[in-house]
Amino acid sequence: MSIGENINRLKKEIPANIKIIAVSKTKSPADILEAYNAGHRLFGENRVQELTDKAELLPKDIQWHMVGHLQSNKVKLIAPFVSLIHSIDSMKLLVIVNNEAFRNNRIQDCLFQICIAREETKFGLSYASLKDLLKSQEFQQLQNIRITGLMGMATFTDEVNIIRNEFRYLKEIFREIKNDYFAGQDYFSELSMGMSGDYSIAIEEGATMIRVGTIIFGERSL
């Protein structure tokens, strides 16, 4: 099946309200254009350089999402145009994003990345550190960011119960954070979880966004 057919099949498979972030890491602009020509507009990249290079070449109405780990010194490269940053995992990074958004006269939408997996290699805030951050005066003073929800990555495993419990835990955190810190704020509504191998479980557990690449574009190039 073609890239366009893969996207359209996935859209028919899942609830209409779920946003599909087509993760185009290592894929060519031509591949992305094929998805674009099938009507898709939400694309995610893991690396800043790849994101900026592709954004330069491709249609300007694409909404680019930064889904990978974001280094502080790279924020300025994507600050003028990135639609959503999924991977805010520290106050330091958030302050830099805020400052770059201010320089670009933008309000930058962001998700807090929460560490829900058992693997030590995964980035993200703990629930306790997230609450400390949200209570801090430093956070209250940020004027050019808007927190629209949470993101998490499940353990890379075939054990469905582990994956389900991790996604369920993230949904519980989302509910509590929404209730305690964003009550009445309709924009705090996104739960980004689920990739090509586990997106169906993520949707069952409350995802509003899935980040999928392989099932759309095929296996990644090295």
C-alpha atoms as a PDB file:
ATOM      1  CA  MET A   1       0.000   0.000   0.000  1.00  0.00           C
ATOM      2  CA  SER A   2       1.102   3.557  -0.657  1.00  0.00           C
ATOM      3  CA  ILE A   3       1.810   6.155   2.040  1.00  0.00           C
ATOM      4  CA  GLY A   4      -1.441   7.930   1.233  1.00  0.00           C
ATOM      5  CA  GLU A   5      -3.408   4.687   1.427  1.00  0.00           C
ATOM      6  CA  ASN A   6      -1.785   3.852   4.771  1.00  0.00           C
ATOM      7  CA  ILE A   7      -2.866   7.187   6.243  1.00  0.00           C
ATOM      8  CA  ASN A   8      -6.406   6.921   4.960  1.00  0.00           C
ATOM      9  CA  ARG A   9      -6.727   3.351   6.234  1.00  0.00           C
ATOM     10  CA  LEU A  10      -5.526   4.429   9.692  1.00  0.00           C
ATOM     11  CA  LYS A  11      -7.988   7.350   9.746  1.00  0.00           C
ATOM     12  CA  LYS A  12     -10.857   4.957   9.018  1.00  0.00           C
ATOM     13  CA  GLU A  13      -9.640   2.569  11.738  1.00  0.00           C
ATOM     14  CA  ILE A  14      -9.469   4.998  14.657  1.00  0.00           C
ATOM     15  CA  PRO A  15     -11.940   7.479  16.184  1.00  0.00           C
ATOM     16  CA  ALA A  16     -12.249  10.708  14.196  1.00  0.00           C
ATOM     17  CA  ASN A  17     -11.246  12.880  17.154  1.00  0.00           C
ATOM     18  CA  ILE A  18      -7.773  11.304  17.491  1.00  0.00           C
ATOM     19  CA  LYS A  19      -4.996  13.424  15.983  1.00  0.00           C
ATOM     20  CA  ILE A  20      -2.443  11.461  13.978  1.00  0.00           C
ATOM     21  CA  ILE A  21       1.077  12.871  14.173  1.00  0.00           C
ATOM     22  CA  ALA A  22       2.865  11.282  11.200  1.00  0.00           C
ATOM     23  CA  VAL A  23       6.427  10.847  12.461  1.00  0.00           C
ATOM     24  CA  SER A  24       8.612  11.340   9.414  1.00  0.00           C
ATOM     25  CA  LYS A  25      12.045  10.773  10.994  1.00  0.00           C
ATOM     26  CA  THR A  26      14.576   9.726   8.292  1.00  0.00           C
ATOM     27  CA  LYS A  27      11.882   9.942   5.595  1.00  0.00           C
ATOM     28  CA  SER A  28      12.385  12.069   2.507  1.00  0.00           C
ATOM     29  CA  PRO A  29      10.493  15.251   1.645  1.00  0.00           C
ATOM     30  CA  ALA A  30       8.966  13.262  -1.244  1.00  0.00           C
ATOM     31  CA  ASP A  31       7.517  10.721   1.213  1.00  0.00           C
ATOM     32  CA  ILE A  32       6.108  13.517   3.371  1.00  0.00           C
ATOM     33  CA  LEU A  33       4.652  15.187   0.290  1.00  0.00           C
ATOM     34  CA  GLU A  34       2.874  11.957  -0.581  1.00  0.00           C
ATOM     35  CA  ALA A  35       1.153  12.012   2.829  1.00  0.00           C
ATOM     36  CA  TYR A  36       0.471  15.739   2.410  1.00  0.00           C
ATOM     37  CA  ASN A  37      -1.153  15.151  -0.973  1.00  0.00           C
ATOM     38  CA  ALA A  38      -3.416  12.579   0.690  1.00  0.00           C
ATOM     39  CA  GLY A  39      -4.685  15.429   2.876  1.00  0.00           C
ATOM     40  CA  HIS A  40      -2.506  15.020   5.962  1.00  0.00           C
ATOM     41  CA  ARG A  41      -1.073  18.098   7.701  1.00  0.00           C
ATOM     42  CA  LEU A  42       0.314  17.002  11.105  1.00  0.00           C
ATOM     43  CA  PHE A  43       3.920  15.779  10.993  1.00  0.00           C
ATOM     44  CA  GLY A  44       6.404  15.026  13.774  1.00  0.00           C
ATOM     45  CA  GLU A  45      10.185  14.977  13.819  1.00  0.00           C
ATOM     46  CA  ASN A  46      12.640  13.721  16.445  1.00  0.00           C
ATOM     47  CA  ARG A  47      15.622  15.863  15.476  1.00  0.00           C
ATOM     48  CA  VAL A  48      15.749  19.628  15.165  1.00  0.00           C
ATOM     49  CA  GLN A  49      18.044  19.723  12.129  1.00  0.00           C
ATOM     50  CA  GLU A  50      15.837  17.337  10.194  1.00  0.00           C
ATOM     51  CA  LEU A  51      12.761  19.329  11.196  1.00  0.00           C
ATOM     52  CA  THR A  52      14.166  22.672  10.048  1.00  0.00           C
ATOM     53  CA  ASP A  53      15.538  21.238   6.788  1.00  0.00           C
ATOM     54  CA  LYS A  54      12.201  19.676   5.857  1.00  0.00           C
ATOM     55  CA  ALA A  55      10.123  22.680   6.927  1.00  0.00           C
ATOM     56  CA  GLU A  56      12.185  24.807   4.533  1.00  0.00           C
ATOM     57  CA  LEU A  57      11.379  22.538   1.580  1.00  0.00           C
ATOM     58  CA  LEU A  58       7.756  21.583   2.201  1.00  0.00           C
ATOM     59  CA  PRO A  59       4.383  23.401   2.125  1.00  0.00           C
ATOM     60  CA  LYS A  60       3.996  26.102   4.745  1.00  0.00           C
ATOM     61  CA  ASP A  61       0.591  24.924   6.002  1.00  0.00           C
ATOM     62  CA  ILE A  62       2.140  21.783   7.498  1.00  0.00           C
ATOM     63  CA  GLN A  63       1.875  21.776  11.307  1.00  0.00           C
ATOM     64  CA  TRP A  64       5.240  20.558  12.581  1.00  0.00           C
ATOM     65  CA  HIS A  65       5.471  18.807  15.946  1.00  0.00           C
ATOM     66  CA  MET A  66       8.751  18.300  17.816  1.00  0.00           C
ATOM     67  CA  VAL A  67       8.328  14.849  19.337  1.00  0.00           C
ATOM     68  CA  GLY A  68      11.920  13.941  20.247  1.00  0.00           C
ATOM     69  CA  HIS A  69      14.200  15.048  23.056  1.00  0.00           C
ATOM     70  CA  LEU A  70      14.856  18.767  22.642  1.00  0.00           C
ATOM     71  CA  GLN A  71      18.238  20.257  23.527  1.00  0.00           C
ATOM     72  CA  SER A  72      18.166  23.755  24.976  1.00  0.00           C
ATOM     73  CA  ASN A  73      20.637  25.145  22.446  1.00  0.00           C
ATOM     74  CA  LYS A  74      18.450  24.034  19.504  1.00  0.00           C
ATOM     75  CA  VAL A  75      15.197  25.688  20.606  1.00  0.00           C
ATOM     76  CA  LYS A  76      15.886  28.909  18.687  1.00  0.00           C
ATOM     77  CA  LEU A  77      15.985  27.006  15.377  1.00  0.00           C
ATOM     78  CA  ILE A  78      12.376  25.805  15.619  1.00  0.00           C
ATOM     79  CA  ALA A  79      10.904  28.636  17.701  1.00  0.00           C
ATOM     80  CA  PRO A  80       9.624  30.693  14.742  1.00  0.00           C
ATOM     81  CA  PHE A  81       7.303  28.002  13.400  1.00  0.00           C
ATOM     82  CA  VAL A  82       6.924  24.779  15.410  1.00  0.00           C
ATOM     83  CA  SER A  83       3.270  24.013  16.135  1.00  0.00           C
ATOM     84  CA  LEU A  84       3.643  21.871  19.268  1.00  0.00           C
ATOM     85  CA  ILE A  85       6.588  20.719  21.381  1.00  0.00           C
ATOM     86  CA  HIS A  86       5.755  17.336  22.937  1.00  0.00           C
ATOM     87  CA  SER A  87       8.926  16.895  24.974  1.00  0.00           C
ATOM     88  CA  ILE A  88       9.226  19.543  27.707  1.00  0.00           C
ATOM     89  CA  ASP A  89      11.038  17.728  30.517  1.00  0.00           C
ATOM     90  CA  SER A  90      12.547  20.493  32.677  1.00  0.00           C
ATOM     91  CA  MET A  91      11.986  24.042  33.887  1.00  0.00           C
ATOM     92  CA  LYS A  92      15.247  25.086  32.238  1.00  0.00           C
ATOM     93  CA  LEU A  93      13.978  23.974  28.823  1.00  0.00           C
ATOM     94  CA  LEU A  94      10.580  25.558  29.389  1.00  0.00           C
ATOM     95  CA  VAL A  95      12.145  28.932  30.236  1.00  0.00           C
ATOM     96  CA  ILE A  96      14.245  28.847  27.054  1.00  0.00           C
ATOM     97  CA  VAL A  97      11.182  27.939  24.962  1.00  0.00           C
ATOM     98  CA  ASN A  98       9.282  30.803  26.583  1.00  0.00           C
ATOM     99  CA  ASN A  99      12.083  33.280  25.877  1.00  0.00           C
ATOM    100  CA  GLU A 100      12.434  32.215  22.235  1.00  0.00           C
ATOM    101  CA  ALA A 101       8.657  32.396  21.772  1.00  0.00           C
ATOM    102  CA  PHE A 102       8.760  35.946  23.163  1.00  0.00           C
ATOM    103  CA  ARG A 103      11.483  36.874  20.647  1.00  0.00           C
ATOM    104  CA  ASN A 104       9.288  35.519  17.854  1.00  0.00           C
ATOM    105  CA  ASN A 105       6.142  37.207  19.158  1.00  0.00           C
ATOM    106  CA  ARG A 106       4.396  33.858  19.608  1.00  0.00           C
ATOM    107  CA  ILE A 107       2.636  31.840  22.273  1.00  0.00           C
ATOM    108  CA  GLN A 108       4.212  28.392  22.037  1.00  0.00           C
ATOM    109  CA  ASP A 109       2.052  25.338  22.722  1.00  0.00           C
ATOM    110  CA  CYS A 110       3.859  22.650  24.726  1.00  0.00           C
ATOM    111  CA  LEU A 111       3.276  19.284  26.369  1.00  0.00           C
ATOM    112  CA  PHE A 112       5.048  18.096  29.496  1.00  0.00           C
ATOM    113  CA  GLN A 113       6.778  14.777  28.901  1.00  0.00           C
ATOM    114  CA  ILE A 114       6.143  12.422  31.820  1.00  0.00           C
ATOM    115  CA  CYS A 115       8.384   9.430  32.494  1.00  0.00           C
ATOM    116  CA  ILE A 116       6.020   6.456  32.683  1.00  0.00           C
ATOM    117  CA  ALA A 117       8.287   3.679  31.332  1.00  0.00           C
ATOM    118  CA  ARG A 118      10.486   1.291  33.271  1.00  0.00           C
ATOM    119  CA  GLU A 119      13.438   1.936  30.973  1.00  0.00           C
ATOM    120  CA  GLU A 120      16.006   4.351  32.377  1.00  0.00           C
ATOM    121  CA  THR A 121      16.772   5.645  28.874  1.00  0.00           C
ATOM    122  CA  LYS A 122      13.404   7.411  28.604  1.00  0.00           C
ATOM    123  CA  PHE A 123      13.305  11.150  29.298  1.00  0.00           C
ATOM    124  CA  GLY A 124      10.575  12.890  31.236  1.00  0.00           C
ATOM    125  CA  LEU A 125       9.431  14.447  34.488  1.00  0.00           C
ATOM    126  CA  SER A 126       8.204  12.431  37.442  1.00  0.00           C
ATOM    127  CA  TYR A 127       4.720  13.224  38.734  1.00  0.00           C
ATOM    128  CA  ALA A 128       6.217  14.816  41.864  1.00  0.00           C
ATOM    129  CA  SER A 129       8.636  17.022  39.920  1.00  0.00           C
ATOM    130  CA  LEU A 130       5.841  18.109  37.565  1.00  0.00           C
ATOM    131  CA  LYS A 131       3.738  19.262  40.522  1.00  0.00           C
ATOM    132  CA  ASP A 132       6.697  21.144  41.993  1.00  0.00           C
ATOM    133  CA  LEU A 133       7.269  22.859  38.648  1.00  0.00           C
ATOM    134  CA  LEU A 134       3.617  23.881  38.282  1.00  0.00           C
ATOM    135  CA  LYS A 135       3.555  25.323  41.818  1.00  0.00           C
ATOM    136  CA  SER A 136       6.711  27.374  41.289  1.00  0.00           C
ATOM    137  CA  GLN A 137       6.713  31.131  40.927  1.00  0.00           C
ATOM    138  CA  GLU A 138       9.062  30.760  37.955  1.00  0.00           C
ATOM    139  CA  PHE A 139       6.412  28.831  36.048  1.00  0.00           C
ATOM    140  CA  GLN A 140       3.687  31.346  36.920  1.00  0.00           C
ATOM    141  CA  GLN A 141       5.739  34.144  35.368  1.00  0.00           C
ATOM    142  CA  LEU A 142       6.061  32.540  31.917  1.00  0.00           C
ATOM    143  CA  GLN A 143       3.905  34.494  29.473  1.00  0.00           C
ATOM    144  CA  ASN A 144       4.758  32.996  26.075  1.00  0.00           C
ATOM    145  CA  ILE A 145       4.054  29.308  26.581  1.00  0.00           C
ATOM    146  CA  ARG A 146       0.760  27.460  26.802  1.00  0.00           C
ATOM    147  CA  ILE A 147       0.688  23.982  28.317  1.00  0.00           C
ATOM    148  CA  THR A 148      -1.884  22.016  26.349  1.00  0.00           C
ATOM    149  CA  GLY A 149      -1.391  18.585  27.918  1.00  0.00           C
ATOM    150  CA  LEU A 150       0.976  15.685  28.603  1.00  0.00           C
ATOM    151  CA  MET A 151       3.050  13.215  26.620  1.00  0.00           C
ATOM    152  CA  GLY A 152       4.481   9.829  27.556  1.00  0.00           C
ATOM    153  CA  MET A 153       6.262   6.833  26.054  1.00  0.00           C
ATOM    154  CA  ALA A 154       5.489   3.324  27.248  1.00  0.00           C
ATOM    155  CA  THR A 155       8.095   0.646  27.892  1.00  0.00           C
ATOM    156  CA  PHE A 156       9.253  -1.092  24.706  1.00  0.00           C
ATOM    157  CA  THR A 157       7.854  -4.536  25.435  1.00  0.00           C
ATOM    158  CA  ASP A 158       5.424  -7.164  24.144  1.00  0.00           C
ATOM    159  CA  GLU A 159       3.748  -7.275  27.583  1.00  0.00           C
ATOM    160  CA  VAL A 160       0.415  -5.610  26.843  1.00  0.00           C
ATOM    161  CA  ASN A 161      -0.474  -5.240  30.530  1.00  0.00           C
ATOM    162  CA  ILE A 162       2.696  -3.238  31.227  1.00  0.00           C
ATOM    163  CA  ILE A 163       1.958  -0.886  28.324  1.00  0.00           C
ATOM    164  CA  ARG A 164      -1.709  -0.519  29.286  1.00  0.00           C
ATOM    165  CA  ASN A 165      -0.900   0.222  32.926  1.00  0.00           C
ATOM    166  CA  GLU A 166       1.654   2.867  31.945  1.00  0.00           C
ATOM    167  CA  PHE A 167      -0.810   4.627  29.647  1.00  0.00           C
ATOM    168  CA  ARG A 168      -3.504   4.352  32.312  1.00  0.00           C
ATOM    169  CA  TYR A 169      -1.134   5.924  34.851  1.00  0.00           C
ATOM    170  CA  LEU A 170      -0.465   8.829  32.461  1.00  0.00           C
ATOM    171  CA  LYS A 171      -4.200   9.365  32.009  1.00  0.00           C
ATOM    172  CA  GLU A 172      -4.624   9.494  35.813  1.00  0.00           C
ATOM    173  CA  ILE A 173      -1.843  12.089  36.062  1.00  0.00           C
ATOM    174  CA  PHE A 174      -3.519  14.081  33.283  1.00  0.00           C
ATOM    175  CA  ARG A 175      -6.847  14.090  35.146  1.00  0.00           C
ATOM    176  CA  GLU A 176      -5.261  15.199  38.413  1.00  0.00           C
ATOM    177  CA  ILE A 177      -3.110  17.908  36.805  1.00  0.00           C
ATOM    178  CA  LYS A 178      -6.103  19.177  34.839  1.00  0.00           C
ATOM    179  CA  ASN A 179      -8.216  19.308  37.993  1.00  0.00           C
ATOM    180  CA  ASP A 180      -5.558  20.869  40.251  1.00  0.00           C
ATOM    181  CA  TYR A 181      -3.807  23.313  37.901  1.00  0.00           C
ATOM    182  CA  PHE A 182      -5.834  23.794  34.698  1.00  0.00           C
ATOM    183  CA  ALA A 183      -9.462  23.546  35.819  1.00  0.00           C
ATOM    184  CA  GLY A 184     -11.660  25.407  33.366  1.00  0.00           C
ATOM    185  CA  GLN A 185      -8.831  25.783  30.827  1.00  0.00           C
ATOM    186  CA  ASP A 186     -10.183  24.117  27.707  1.00  0.00           C
ATOM    187  CA  TYR A 187      -6.805  24.246  25.966  1.00  0.00           C
ATOM    188  CA  PHE A 188      -5.349  21.726  28.452  1.00  0.00           C
ATOM    189  CA  SER A 189      -6.818  18.792  26.564  1.00  0.00           C
ATOM    190  CA  GLU A 190      -4.096  16.776  24.817  1.00  0.00           C
ATOM    191  CA  LEU A 191      -2.729  13.395  25.820  1.00  0.00           C
ATOM    192  CA  SER A 192       0.013  12.368  23.398  1.00  0.00           C
ATOM    193  CA  MET A 193       0.698   8.668  23.785  1.00  0.00           C
ATOM    194  CA  GLY A 194       0.988   5.652  21.548  1.00  0.00           C
ATOM    195  CA  MET A 195       3.292   4.817  18.639  1.00  0.00           C
ATOM    196  CA  SER A 196       3.077   2.360  15.751  1.00  0.00           C
ATOM    197  CA  GLY A 197       3.344  -0.689  18.014  1.00  0.00           C
ATOM    198  CA  ASP A 198       0.938   0.355  20.768  1.00  0.00           C
ATOM    199  CA  TYR A 199      -1.332   3.140  19.477  1.00  0.00           C
ATOM    200  CA  SER A 200      -4.507   1.043  19.722  1.00  0.00           C
ATOM    201  CA  ILE A 201      -3.894   0.480  23.461  1.00  0.00           C
ATOM    202  CA  ALA A 202      -3.119   4.185  23.892  1.00  0.00           C
ATOM    203  CA  ILE A 203      -6.421   5.153  22.262  1.00  0.00           C
ATOM    204  CA  GLU A 204      -8.323   2.745  24.514  1.00  0.00           C
ATOM    205  CA  GLU A 205      -6.639   4.396  27.518  1.00  0.00           C
ATOM    206  CA  GLY A 206      -7.485   7.960  26.525  1.00  0.00           C
ATOM    207  CA  ALA A 207      -4.929   9.254  23.992  1.00  0.00           C
ATOM    208  CA  THR A 208      -5.997  12.292  21.985  1.00  0.00           C
ATOM    209  CA  MET A 209      -2.839  12.185  19.828  1.00  0.00           C
ATOM    210  CA  ILE A 210      -0.802   9.261  18.536  1.00  0.00           C
ATOM    211  CA  ARG A 211       2.736   9.549  17.149  1.00  0.00           C
ATOM    212  CA  VAL A 212       3.098   6.986  14.389  1.00  0.00           C
ATOM    213  CA  GLY A 213       5.688   6.553  11.656  1.00  0.00           C
ATOM    214  CA  THR A 214       6.267   2.957  10.587  1.00  0.00           C
ATOM    215  CA  ILE A 215       2.612   2.128   9.874  1.00  0.00           C
ATOM    216  CA  ILE A 216       2.435   5.151   7.560  1.00  0.00           C
ATOM    217  CA  PHE A 217       5.868   5.381   5.944  1.00  0.00           C
ATOM    218  CA  GLY A 218       7.198   1.834   6.381  1.00  0.00           C
ATOM    219  CA  GLU A 219      10.404   0.897   8.177  1.00  0.00           C
ATOM    220  CA  ARG A 220      12.830   3.727   8.911  1.00  0.00           C
ATOM    221  CA  SER A 221      15.906   4.283   6.789  1.00  0.00           C
ATOM    222  CA  LEU A 222      19.176   4.122   8.696  1.00  0.00           C
END
